[in-house]
Amino acid sequence: MEQLIHYQVERMLRRKRRNPALTLTSSSRLQEDIGLDSIDLVELAINLEHRFHIEIKDAEMEQLRTVQDVLNCVDHHLSGLLID
């Protein structure tokens, strides 16, 4: 399941990146490397919420800096759903 989440998050980010030649890694920075602006980040959060049926708070969204941060955020929310 983790690979599926990783694939779906990467796919969302690939559609948004400004440089098509950029190779995404877990340490790729959302704004500096991928080129996301504040509107892109909001759209990303909304897409993640819809895709994974989670809710990402504004304060949490503001902490997303890298691809790994996004993966950790989704994983954190999905882990909470499995426990409940």
C-alpha atoms as a PDB file:
ATOM      1  CA  MET A   1       0.000   0.000   0.000  1.00  0.00           C
ATOM      2  CA  GLU A   2       2.878   2.331   0.773  1.00  0.00           C
ATOM      3  CA  GLN A   3       4.170   2.023  -2.790  1.00  0.00           C
ATOM      4  CA  LEU A   4       0.723   2.857  -4.158  1.00  0.00           C
ATOM      5  CA  ILE A   5       0.571   5.985  -1.997  1.00  0.00           C
ATOM      6  CA  HIS A   6       4.076   6.968  -3.095  1.00  0.00           C
ATOM      7  CA  TYR A   7       3.143   6.468  -6.749  1.00  0.00           C
ATOM      8  CA  GLN A   8      -0.054   8.520  -6.477  1.00  0.00           C
ATOM      9  CA  VAL A   9       1.650  11.391  -4.636  1.00  0.00           C
ATOM     10  CA  GLU A  10       4.500  11.423  -7.163  1.00  0.00           C
ATOM     11  CA  ARG A  11       2.003  11.439 -10.008  1.00  0.00           C
ATOM     12  CA  MET A  12       0.252  14.494  -8.537  1.00  0.00           C
ATOM     13  CA  LEU A  13       3.571  16.283  -8.157  1.00  0.00           C
ATOM     14  CA  ARG A  14       4.766  15.396 -11.656  1.00  0.00           C
ATOM     15  CA  ARG A  15       1.712  17.120 -13.120  1.00  0.00           C
ATOM     16  CA  LYS A  16       2.585  20.295 -11.222  1.00  0.00           C
ATOM     17  CA  ARG A  17       6.339  20.520 -11.717  1.00  0.00           C
ATOM     18  CA  ARG A  18       7.681  23.392 -13.769  1.00  0.00           C
ATOM     19  CA  ASN A  19      10.725  21.503 -15.061  1.00  0.00           C
ATOM     20  CA  PRO A  20       9.693  18.287 -16.894  1.00  0.00           C
ATOM     21  CA  ALA A  21      13.281  17.001 -16.804  1.00  0.00           C
ATOM     22  CA  LEU A  22      13.394  17.137 -12.996  1.00  0.00           C
ATOM     23  CA  THR A  23      13.723  13.775 -11.306  1.00  0.00           C
ATOM     24  CA  LEU A  24      11.659  13.644  -8.138  1.00  0.00           C
ATOM     25  CA  THR A  25      13.283  12.284  -5.010  1.00  0.00           C
ATOM     26  CA  SER A  26      12.078  12.188  -1.427  1.00  0.00           C
ATOM     27  CA  SER A  27      14.276  15.210  -0.690  1.00  0.00           C
ATOM     28  CA  SER A  28      12.971  17.280  -3.626  1.00  0.00           C
ATOM     29  CA  ARG A  29      11.704  20.594  -2.282  1.00  0.00           C
ATOM     30  CA  LEU A  30       8.176  21.476  -3.303  1.00  0.00           C
ATOM     31  CA  GLN A  31       8.765  25.164  -3.971  1.00  0.00           C
ATOM     32  CA  GLU A  32      12.446  25.473  -4.818  1.00  0.00           C
ATOM     33  CA  ASP A  33      12.965  22.286  -6.849  1.00  0.00           C
ATOM     34  CA  ILE A  34       9.531  21.407  -8.212  1.00  0.00           C
ATOM     35  CA  GLY A  35       8.419  25.018  -8.580  1.00  0.00           C
ATOM     36  CA  LEU A  36       5.124  24.899  -6.708  1.00  0.00           C
ATOM     37  CA  ASP A  37       3.678  28.225  -5.646  1.00  0.00           C
ATOM     38  CA  SER A  38       1.185  28.803  -2.812  1.00  0.00           C
ATOM     39  CA  ILE A  39      -1.817  28.091  -5.031  1.00  0.00           C
ATOM     40  CA  ASP A  40      -0.212  24.846  -6.240  1.00  0.00           C
ATOM     41  CA  LEU A  41       0.328  23.803  -2.612  1.00  0.00           C
ATOM     42  CA  VAL A  42      -3.333  24.417  -1.776  1.00  0.00           C
ATOM     43  CA  GLU A  43      -4.399  22.444  -4.853  1.00  0.00           C
ATOM     44  CA  LEU A  44      -2.040  19.641  -3.862  1.00  0.00           C
ATOM     45  CA  ALA A  45      -3.558  19.492  -0.376  1.00  0.00           C
ATOM     46  CA  ILE A  46      -7.084  19.422  -1.812  1.00  0.00           C
ATOM     47  CA  ASN A  47      -6.128  16.664  -4.249  1.00  0.00           C
ATOM     48  CA  LEU A  48      -4.545  14.643  -1.447  1.00  0.00           C
ATOM     49  CA  GLU A  49      -7.648  15.080   0.693  1.00  0.00           C
ATOM     50  CA  HIS A  50      -9.918  13.885  -2.101  1.00  0.00           C
ATOM     51  CA  ARG A  51      -7.696  11.025  -3.230  1.00  0.00           C
ATOM     52  CA  PHE A  52      -7.017   9.595   0.233  1.00  0.00           C
ATOM     53  CA  HIS A  53     -10.158  10.757   2.099  1.00  0.00           C
ATOM     54  CA  ILE A  54      -8.170  12.662   4.699  1.00  0.00           C
ATOM     55  CA  GLU A  55      -8.230  16.201   6.080  1.00  0.00           C
ATOM     56  CA  ILE A  56      -5.057  18.269   6.050  1.00  0.00           C
ATOM     57  CA  LYS A  57      -5.182  21.283   8.359  1.00  0.00           C
ATOM     58  CA  ASP A  58      -3.805  24.615   7.124  1.00  0.00           C
ATOM     59  CA  ALA A  59      -1.041  24.617   9.737  1.00  0.00           C
ATOM     60  CA  GLU A  60      -0.029  21.127   8.662  1.00  0.00           C
ATOM     61  CA  MET A  61      -0.043  22.107   4.996  1.00  0.00           C
ATOM     62  CA  GLU A  62       2.296  25.009   5.749  1.00  0.00           C
ATOM     63  CA  GLN A  63       4.856  22.516   7.097  1.00  0.00           C
ATOM     64  CA  LEU A  64       5.078  20.583   3.828  1.00  0.00           C
ATOM     65  CA  ARG A  65       8.472  21.391   2.339  1.00  0.00           C
ATOM     66  CA  THR A  66       9.645  18.218   0.580  1.00  0.00           C
ATOM     67  CA  VAL A  67       8.199  15.210  -1.208  1.00  0.00           C
ATOM     68  CA  GLN A  68       8.985  13.168   1.923  1.00  0.00           C
ATOM     69  CA  ASP A  69       6.982  15.619   4.047  1.00  0.00           C
ATOM     70  CA  VAL A  70       3.977  15.035   1.795  1.00  0.00           C
ATOM     71  CA  LEU A  71       4.400  11.258   1.991  1.00  0.00           C
ATOM     72  CA  ASN A  72       4.751  11.410   5.785  1.00  0.00           C
ATOM     73  CA  CYS A  73       1.641  13.581   6.049  1.00  0.00           C
ATOM     74  CA  VAL A  74      -0.486  11.186   4.006  1.00  0.00           C
ATOM     75  CA  ASP A  75       0.947   8.180   5.858  1.00  0.00           C
ATOM     76  CA  HIS A  76       0.233   9.828   9.217  1.00  0.00           C
ATOM     77  CA  HIS A  77      -3.394  10.452   8.310  1.00  0.00           C
ATOM     78  CA  LEU A  78      -3.926   7.005   6.833  1.00  0.00           C
ATOM     79  CA  SER A  79      -2.324   5.336   9.858  1.00  0.00           C
ATOM     80  CA  GLY A  80      -4.800   7.196  12.075  1.00  0.00           C
ATOM     81  CA  LEU A  81      -7.683   5.910   9.970  1.00  0.00           C
ATOM     82  CA  LEU A  82      -6.497   2.331  10.305  1.00  0.00           C
ATOM     83  CA  ILE A  83      -6.213   2.602  14.099  1.00  0.00           C
ATOM     84  CA  ASP A  84      -9.641   4.184  14.648  1.00  0.00           C
END
